[in-house]
Amino acid sequence: MRLQSGSMVVDFYPTKSWLDNNINPDKFLKVLTFCGETQKKEVVSEKKMIAEIDSYLFHDYTAISNNTLPQFV
């Protein structure tokens, strides 16, 4: 999921393992970007991701797209 408010963009990506290429059902990569520069990357649980998405939407972020391409972690 990609959320945006002004110059701040928050992306959540599904993750997969380097070892066996399997998708991790409960781990998501969160990437914070400000003015086109990555500020922070963090792996979060599905529960935390849902809570953070709700919080961002409450604070007037707009959902732009859904990121479905799994990232290696």
PDB file of N, CA and C in Angstrom:
ATOM      1  N   MET A   1       0.851  -1.166   0.000  1.00  0.00           N
ATOM      2  CA  MET A   1       0.000   0.000   0.000  1.00  0.00           C
ATOM      3  C   MET A   1       0.900   1.232   0.000  1.00  0.00           C
ATOM      4  N   ARG A   2       0.527   2.223  -0.763  1.00  0.00           N
ATOM      5  CA  ARG A   2       1.245   3.495  -0.795  1.00  0.00           C
ATOM      6  C   ARG A   2       0.308   4.582  -0.302  1.00  0.00           C
ATOM      7  N   LEU A   3       0.789   5.328   0.686  1.00  0.00           N
ATOM      8  CA  LEU A   3       0.033   6.439   1.261  1.00  0.00           C
ATOM      9  C   LEU A   3       0.848   7.705   1.089  1.00  0.00           C
ATOM     10  N   GLN A   4       0.176   8.833   0.831  1.00  0.00           N
ATOM     11  CA  GLN A   4       0.905  10.081   0.617  1.00  0.00           C
ATOM     12  C   GLN A   4       0.186  11.252   1.260  1.00  0.00           C
ATOM     13  N   SER A   5       1.010  12.151   1.819  1.00  0.00           N
ATOM     14  CA  SER A   5       0.539  13.428   2.329  1.00  0.00           C
ATOM     15  C   SER A   5       1.610  14.453   1.994  1.00  0.00           C
ATOM     16  N   GLY A   6       1.345  15.301   1.018  1.00  0.00           N
ATOM     17  CA  GLY A   6       2.351  16.276   0.599  1.00  0.00           C
ATOM     18  C   GLY A   6       3.581  15.573   0.059  1.00  0.00           C
ATOM     19  N   SER A   7       4.753  15.878   0.638  1.00  0.00           N
ATOM     20  CA  SER A   7       6.015  15.293   0.186  1.00  0.00           C
ATOM     21  C   SER A   7       6.359  13.991   0.891  1.00  0.00           C
ATOM     22  N   MET A   8       5.550  13.565   1.858  1.00  0.00           N
ATOM     23  CA  MET A   8       5.812  12.334   2.607  1.00  0.00           C
ATOM     24  C   MET A   8       5.047  11.171   1.977  1.00  0.00           C
ATOM     25  N   VAL A   9       5.768  10.089   1.680  1.00  0.00           N
ATOM     26  CA  VAL A   9       5.170   8.886   1.115  1.00  0.00           C
ATOM     27  C   VAL A   9       5.538   7.714   2.013  1.00  0.00           C
ATOM     28  N   VAL A  10       4.559   6.877   2.318  1.00  0.00           N
ATOM     29  CA  VAL A  10       4.775   5.675   3.117  1.00  0.00           C
ATOM     30  C   VAL A  10       4.350   4.479   2.271  1.00  0.00           C
ATOM     31  N   ASP A  11       5.269   3.532   2.080  1.00  0.00           N
ATOM     32  CA  ASP A  11       4.978   2.322   1.326  1.00  0.00           C
ATOM     33  C   ASP A  11       5.050   1.114   2.241  1.00  0.00           C
ATOM     34  N   PHE A  12       4.133   0.170   2.041  1.00  0.00           N
ATOM     35  CA  PHE A  12       4.174  -1.123   2.717  1.00  0.00           C
ATOM     36  C   PHE A  12       4.214  -2.190   1.631  1.00  0.00           C
ATOM     37  N   TYR A  13       5.242  -3.051   1.679  1.00  0.00           N
ATOM     38  CA  TYR A  13       5.417  -4.122   0.699  1.00  0.00           C
ATOM     39  C   TYR A  13       5.369  -5.479   1.393  1.00  0.00           C
ATOM     40  N   PRO A  14       4.804  -6.506   0.736  1.00  0.00           N
ATOM     41  CA  PRO A  14       4.964  -7.857   1.270  1.00  0.00           C
ATOM     42  C   PRO A  14       6.448  -8.235   1.196  1.00  0.00           C
ATOM     43  N   THR A  15       6.863  -9.193   2.001  1.00  0.00           N
ATOM     44  CA  THR A  15       8.270  -9.598   2.012  1.00  0.00           C
ATOM     45  C   THR A  15       8.412 -11.077   1.686  1.00  0.00           C
ATOM     46  N   LYS A  16       9.616 -11.437   1.229  1.00  0.00           N
ATOM     47  CA  LYS A  16       9.927 -12.845   1.011  1.00  0.00           C
ATOM     48  C   LYS A  16      11.359 -13.113   1.454  1.00  0.00           C
ATOM     49  N   SER A  17      11.615 -14.362   1.753  1.00  0.00           N
ATOM     50  CA  SER A  17      12.893 -14.782   2.306  1.00  0.00           C
ATOM     51  C   SER A  17      13.931 -14.990   1.213  1.00  0.00           C
ATOM     52  N   TRP A  18      15.185 -14.611   1.520  1.00  0.00           N
ATOM     53  CA  TRP A  18      16.304 -14.877   0.615  1.00  0.00           C
ATOM     54  C   TRP A  18      16.581 -16.375   0.534  1.00  0.00           C
ATOM     55  N   LEU A  19      16.311 -17.097   1.605  1.00  0.00           N
ATOM     56  CA  LEU A  19      16.684 -18.510   1.681  1.00  0.00           C
ATOM     57  C   LEU A  19      15.824 -19.414   0.818  1.00  0.00           C
ATOM     58  N   ASP A  20      14.514 -19.239   0.883  1.00  0.00           N
ATOM     59  CA  ASP A  20      13.633 -20.167   0.172  1.00  0.00           C
ATOM     60  C   ASP A  20      12.646 -19.486  -0.775  1.00  0.00           C
ATOM     61  N   ASN A  21      12.732 -18.170  -0.895  1.00  0.00           N
ATOM     62  CA  ASN A  21      11.896 -17.405  -1.832  1.00  0.00           C
ATOM     63  C   ASN A  21      10.410 -17.443  -1.473  1.00  0.00           C
ATOM     64  N   ASN A  22      10.074 -17.882  -0.253  1.00  0.00           N
ATOM     65  CA  ASN A  22       8.680 -17.931   0.184  1.00  0.00           C
ATOM     66  C   ASN A  22       8.248 -16.574   0.738  1.00  0.00           C
ATOM     67  N   ILE A  23       6.992 -16.222   0.473  1.00  0.00           N
ATOM     68  CA  ILE A  23       6.436 -14.968   0.986  1.00  0.00           C
ATOM     69  C   ILE A  23       6.126 -15.123   2.472  1.00  0.00           C
ATOM     70  N   ASN A  24       6.543 -14.143   3.259  1.00  0.00           N
ATOM     71  CA  ASN A  24       6.275 -14.122   4.699  1.00  0.00           C
ATOM     72  C   ASN A  24       4.888 -13.513   4.911  1.00  0.00           C
ATOM     73  N   PRO A  25       3.920 -14.295   5.412  1.00  0.00           N
ATOM     74  CA  PRO A  25       2.550 -13.782   5.516  1.00  0.00           C
ATOM     75  C   PRO A  25       2.353 -12.711   6.588  1.00  0.00           C
ATOM     76  N   ASP A  26       3.264 -12.627   7.564  1.00  0.00           N
ATOM     77  CA  ASP A  26       3.071 -11.676   8.659  1.00  0.00           C
ATOM     78  C   ASP A  26       4.129 -10.574   8.709  1.00  0.00           C
ATOM     79  N   LYS A  27       4.982 -10.458   7.707  1.00  0.00           N
ATOM     80  CA  LYS A  27       6.034  -9.444   7.721  1.00  0.00           C
ATOM     81  C   LYS A  27       5.928  -8.562   6.477  1.00  0.00           C
ATOM     82  N   PHE A  28       5.972  -7.249   6.721  1.00  0.00           N
ATOM     83  CA  PHE A  28       5.869  -6.282   5.633  1.00  0.00           C
ATOM     84  C   PHE A  28       6.985  -5.260   5.761  1.00  0.00           C
ATOM     85  N   LEU A  29       7.500  -4.812   4.627  1.00  0.00           N
ATOM     86  CA  LEU A  29       8.548  -3.792   4.603  1.00  0.00           C
ATOM     87  C   LEU A  29       7.885  -2.424   4.523  1.00  0.00           C
ATOM     88  N   LYS A  30       8.187  -1.585   5.510  1.00  0.00           N
ATOM     89  CA  LYS A  30       7.676  -0.211   5.550  1.00  0.00           C
ATOM     90  C   LYS A  30       8.811   0.705   5.104  1.00  0.00           C
ATOM     91  N   VAL A  31       8.547   1.568   4.115  1.00  0.00           N
ATOM     92  CA  VAL A  31       9.547   2.500   3.607  1.00  0.00           C
ATOM     93  C   VAL A  31       8.969   3.912   3.674  1.00  0.00           C
ATOM     94  N   LEU A  32       9.656   4.789   4.422  1.00  0.00           N
ATOM     95  CA  LEU A  32       9.261   6.200   4.516  1.00  0.00           C
ATOM     96  C   LEU A  32      10.133   7.010   3.571  1.00  0.00           C
ATOM     97  N   THR A  33       9.506   7.815   2.735  1.00  0.00           N
ATOM     98  CA  THR A  33      10.230   8.641   1.770  1.00  0.00           C
ATOM     99  C   THR A  33       9.757  10.083   1.913  1.00  0.00           C
ATOM    100  N   PHE A  34      10.707  11.011   1.966  1.00  0.00           N
ATOM    101  CA  PHE A  34      10.378  12.433   2.051  1.00  0.00           C
ATOM    102  C   PHE A  34      11.100  13.154   0.926  1.00  0.00           C
ATOM    103  N   CYS A  35      10.359  13.873   0.103  1.00  0.00           N
ATOM    104  CA  CYS A  35      10.911  14.605  -1.056  1.00  0.00           C
ATOM    105  C   CYS A  35      11.765  13.699  -1.928  1.00  0.00           C
ATOM    106  N   GLY A  36      11.332  12.452  -2.123  1.00  0.00           N
ATOM    107  CA  GLY A  36      12.037  11.533  -3.005  1.00  0.00           C
ATOM    108  C   GLY A  36      13.227  10.828  -2.392  1.00  0.00           C
ATOM    109  N   GLU A  37      13.564  11.110  -1.134  1.00  0.00           N
ATOM    110  CA  GLU A  37      14.693  10.462  -0.466  1.00  0.00           C
ATOM    111  C   GLU A  37      14.196   9.521   0.619  1.00  0.00           C
ATOM    112  N   THR A  38      14.693   8.276   0.584  1.00  0.00           N
ATOM    113  CA  THR A  38      14.321   7.306   1.611  1.00  0.00           C
ATOM    114  C   THR A  38      14.850   7.745   2.955  1.00  0.00           C
ATOM    115  N   GLN A  39      13.958   7.806   3.938  1.00  0.00           N
ATOM    116  CA  GLN A  39      14.318   8.223   5.282  1.00  0.00           C
ATOM    117  C   GLN A  39      14.480   7.038   6.227  1.00  0.00           C
ATOM    118  N   LYS A  40      13.647   6.000   6.033  1.00  0.00           N
ATOM    119  CA  LYS A  40      13.662   4.884   6.973  1.00  0.00           C
ATOM    120  C   LYS A  40      13.068   3.644   6.315  1.00  0.00           C
ATOM    121  N   LYS A  41      13.641   2.478   6.644  1.00  0.00           N
ATOM    122  CA  LYS A  41      13.085   1.193   6.239  1.00  0.00           C
ATOM    123  C   LYS A  41      12.947   0.340   7.490  1.00  0.00           C
ATOM    124  N   GLU A  42      11.842  -0.389   7.577  1.00  0.00           N
ATOM    125  CA  GLU A  42      11.581  -1.183   8.769  1.00  0.00           C
ATOM    126  C   GLU A  42      10.671  -2.352   8.398  1.00  0.00           C
ATOM    127  N   VAL A  43      10.926  -3.521   8.972  1.00  0.00           N
ATOM    128  CA  VAL A  43      10.039  -4.660   8.799  1.00  0.00           C
ATOM    129  C   VAL A  43       9.053  -4.652   9.961  1.00  0.00           C
ATOM    130  N   VAL A  44       7.754  -4.705   9.625  1.00  0.00           N
ATOM    131  CA  VAL A  44       6.710  -4.661  10.644  1.00  0.00           C
ATOM    132  C   VAL A  44       5.764  -5.849  10.477  1.00  0.00           C
ATOM    133  N   SER A  45       5.060  -6.177  11.544  1.00  0.00           N
ATOM    134  CA  SER A  45       4.072  -7.256  11.487  1.00  0.00           C
ATOM    135  C   SER A  45       2.819  -6.769  10.749  1.00  0.00           C
ATOM    136  N   GLU A  46       2.000  -7.716  10.353  1.00  0.00           N
ATOM    137  CA  GLU A  46       0.757  -7.354   9.674  1.00  0.00           C
ATOM    138  C   GLU A  46      -0.144  -6.531  10.597  1.00  0.00           C
ATOM    139  N   LYS A  47      -0.195  -6.905  11.866  1.00  0.00           N
ATOM    140  CA  LYS A  47      -1.019  -6.174  12.839  1.00  0.00           C
ATOM    141  C   LYS A  47      -0.559  -4.723  12.971  1.00  0.00           C
ATOM    142  N   LYS A  48       0.764  -4.511  13.058  1.00  0.00           N
ATOM    143  CA  LYS A  48       1.296  -3.148  13.174  1.00  0.00           C
ATOM    144  C   LYS A  48       1.050  -2.370  11.882  1.00  0.00           C
ATOM    145  N   MET A  49       1.194  -3.034  10.730  1.00  0.00           N
ATOM    146  CA  MET A  49       0.960  -2.370   9.450  1.00  0.00           C
ATOM    147  C   MET A  49      -0.483  -1.861   9.373  1.00  0.00           C
ATOM    148  N   ILE A  50      -1.432  -2.690   9.735  1.00  0.00           N
ATOM    149  CA  ILE A  50      -2.845  -2.298   9.676  1.00  0.00           C
ATOM    150  C   ILE A  50      -3.114  -1.115  10.608  1.00  0.00           C
ATOM    151  N   ALA A  51      -2.551  -1.167  11.814  1.00  0.00           N
ATOM    152  CA  ALA A  51      -2.737  -0.062  12.763  1.00  0.00           C
ATOM    153  C   ALA A  51      -2.119   1.225  12.222  1.00  0.00           C
ATOM    154  N   GLU A  52      -0.936   1.128  11.610  1.00  0.00           N
ATOM    155  CA  GLU A  52      -0.281   2.323  11.069  1.00  0.00           C
ATOM    156  C   GLU A  52      -1.030   2.869   9.863  1.00  0.00           C
ATOM    157  N   ILE A  53      -1.540   2.007   8.997  1.00  0.00           N
ATOM    158  CA  ILE A  53      -2.327   2.478   7.853  1.00  0.00           C
ATOM    159  C   ILE A  53      -3.552   3.236   8.348  1.00  0.00           C
ATOM    160  N   ASP A  54      -4.246   2.680   9.344  1.00  0.00           N
ATOM    161  CA  ASP A  54      -5.407   3.370   9.913  1.00  0.00           C
ATOM    162  C   ASP A  54      -5.014   4.740  10.462  1.00  0.00           C
ATOM    163  N   SER A  55      -3.871   4.804  11.150  1.00  0.00           N
ATOM    164  CA  SER A  55      -3.404   6.067  11.718  1.00  0.00           C
ATOM    165  C   SER A  55      -3.070   7.081  10.621  1.00  0.00           C
ATOM    166  N   TYR A  56      -2.368   6.638   9.580  1.00  0.00           N
ATOM    167  CA  TYR A  56      -2.036   7.551   8.479  1.00  0.00           C
ATOM    168  C   TYR A  56      -3.304   8.069   7.800  1.00  0.00           C
ATOM    169  N   LEU A  57      -4.275   7.189   7.559  1.00  0.00           N
ATOM    170  CA  LEU A  57      -5.520   7.619   6.928  1.00  0.00           C
ATOM    171  C   LEU A  57      -6.278   8.599   7.820  1.00  0.00           C
ATOM    172  N   PHE A  58      -6.247   8.381   9.129  1.00  0.00           N
ATOM    173  CA  PHE A  58      -6.879   9.294  10.078  1.00  0.00           C
ATOM    174  C   PHE A  58      -6.232  10.679  10.027  1.00  0.00           C
ATOM    175  N   HIS A  59      -4.918  10.709   9.742  1.00  0.00           N
ATOM    176  CA  HIS A  59      -4.185  11.984   9.681  1.00  0.00           C
ATOM    177  C   HIS A  59      -4.093  12.528   8.248  1.00  0.00           C
ATOM    178  N   ASP A  60      -5.121  12.251   7.455  1.00  0.00           N
ATOM    179  CA  ASP A  60      -5.309  12.835   6.121  1.00  0.00           C
ATOM    180  C   ASP A  60      -4.307  12.400   5.058  1.00  0.00           C
ATOM    181  N   TYR A  61      -3.694  11.227   5.213  1.00  0.00           N
ATOM    182  CA  TYR A  61      -2.912  10.664   4.120  1.00  0.00           C
ATOM    183  C   TYR A  61      -3.891  10.066   3.112  1.00  0.00           C
ATOM    184  N   THR A  62      -3.480  10.019   1.859  1.00  0.00           N
ATOM    185  CA  THR A  62      -4.309   9.459   0.805  1.00  0.00           C
ATOM    186  C   THR A  62      -3.706   8.142   0.335  1.00  0.00           C
ATOM    187  N   ALA A  63      -4.531   7.107   0.228  1.00  0.00           N
ATOM    188  CA  ALA A  63      -4.076   5.827  -0.309  1.00  0.00           C
ATOM    189  C   ALA A  63      -3.976   5.966  -1.823  1.00  0.00           C
ATOM    190  N   ILE A  64      -2.773   5.760  -2.363  1.00  0.00           N
ATOM    191  CA  ILE A  64      -2.536   5.975  -3.790  1.00  0.00           C
ATOM    192  C   ILE A  64      -2.585   4.675  -4.578  1.00  0.00           C
ATOM    193  N   SER A  65      -1.915   3.637  -4.083  1.00  0.00           N
ATOM    194  CA  SER A  65      -1.871   2.375  -4.802  1.00  0.00           C
ATOM    195  C   SER A  65      -1.609   1.238  -3.834  1.00  0.00           C
ATOM    196  N   ASN A  66      -1.695   0.026  -4.352  1.00  0.00           N
ATOM    197  CA  ASN A  66      -1.438  -1.150  -3.548  1.00  0.00           C
ATOM    198  C   ASN A  66      -0.170  -1.824  -4.069  1.00  0.00           C
ATOM    199  N   ASN A  67       0.864  -1.910  -3.239  1.00  0.00           N
ATOM    200  CA  ASN A  67       2.128  -2.533  -3.631  1.00  0.00           C
ATOM    201  C   ASN A  67       2.041  -4.035  -3.408  1.00  0.00           C
ATOM    202  N   THR A  68       2.192  -4.804  -4.476  1.00  0.00           N
ATOM    203  CA  THR A  68       2.068  -6.247  -4.354  1.00  0.00           C
ATOM    204  C   THR A  68       3.357  -6.987  -4.688  1.00  0.00           C
ATOM    205  N   LEU A  69       4.394  -6.286  -5.144  1.00  0.00           N
ATOM    206  CA  LEU A  69       5.649  -6.934  -5.499  1.00  0.00           C
ATOM    207  C   LEU A  69       6.446  -7.225  -4.233  1.00  0.00           C
ATOM    208  N   PRO A  70       6.606  -8.508  -3.860  1.00  0.00           N
ATOM    209  CA  PRO A  70       7.332  -8.843  -2.624  1.00  0.00           C
ATOM    210  C   PRO A  70       8.798  -8.391  -2.680  1.00  0.00           C
ATOM    211  N   GLN A  71       9.297  -7.938  -1.537  1.00  0.00           N
ATOM    212  CA  GLN A  71      10.670  -7.480  -1.412  1.00  0.00           C
ATOM    213  C   GLN A  71      11.451  -8.480  -0.559  1.00  0.00           C
ATOM    214  N   PHE A  72      12.719  -8.712  -0.904  1.00  0.00           N
ATOM    215  CA  PHE A  72      13.570  -9.597  -0.126  1.00  0.00           C
ATOM    216  C   PHE A  72      13.991  -8.938   1.179  1.00  0.00           C
ATOM    217  N   VAL A  73      13.941  -9.691   2.272  1.00  0.00           N
ATOM    218  CA  VAL A  73      14.438  -9.200   3.564  1.00  0.00           C
ATOM    219  C   VAL A  73      15.259 -10.295   4.218  1.00  0.00           C
TER     220      VAL A  73
END
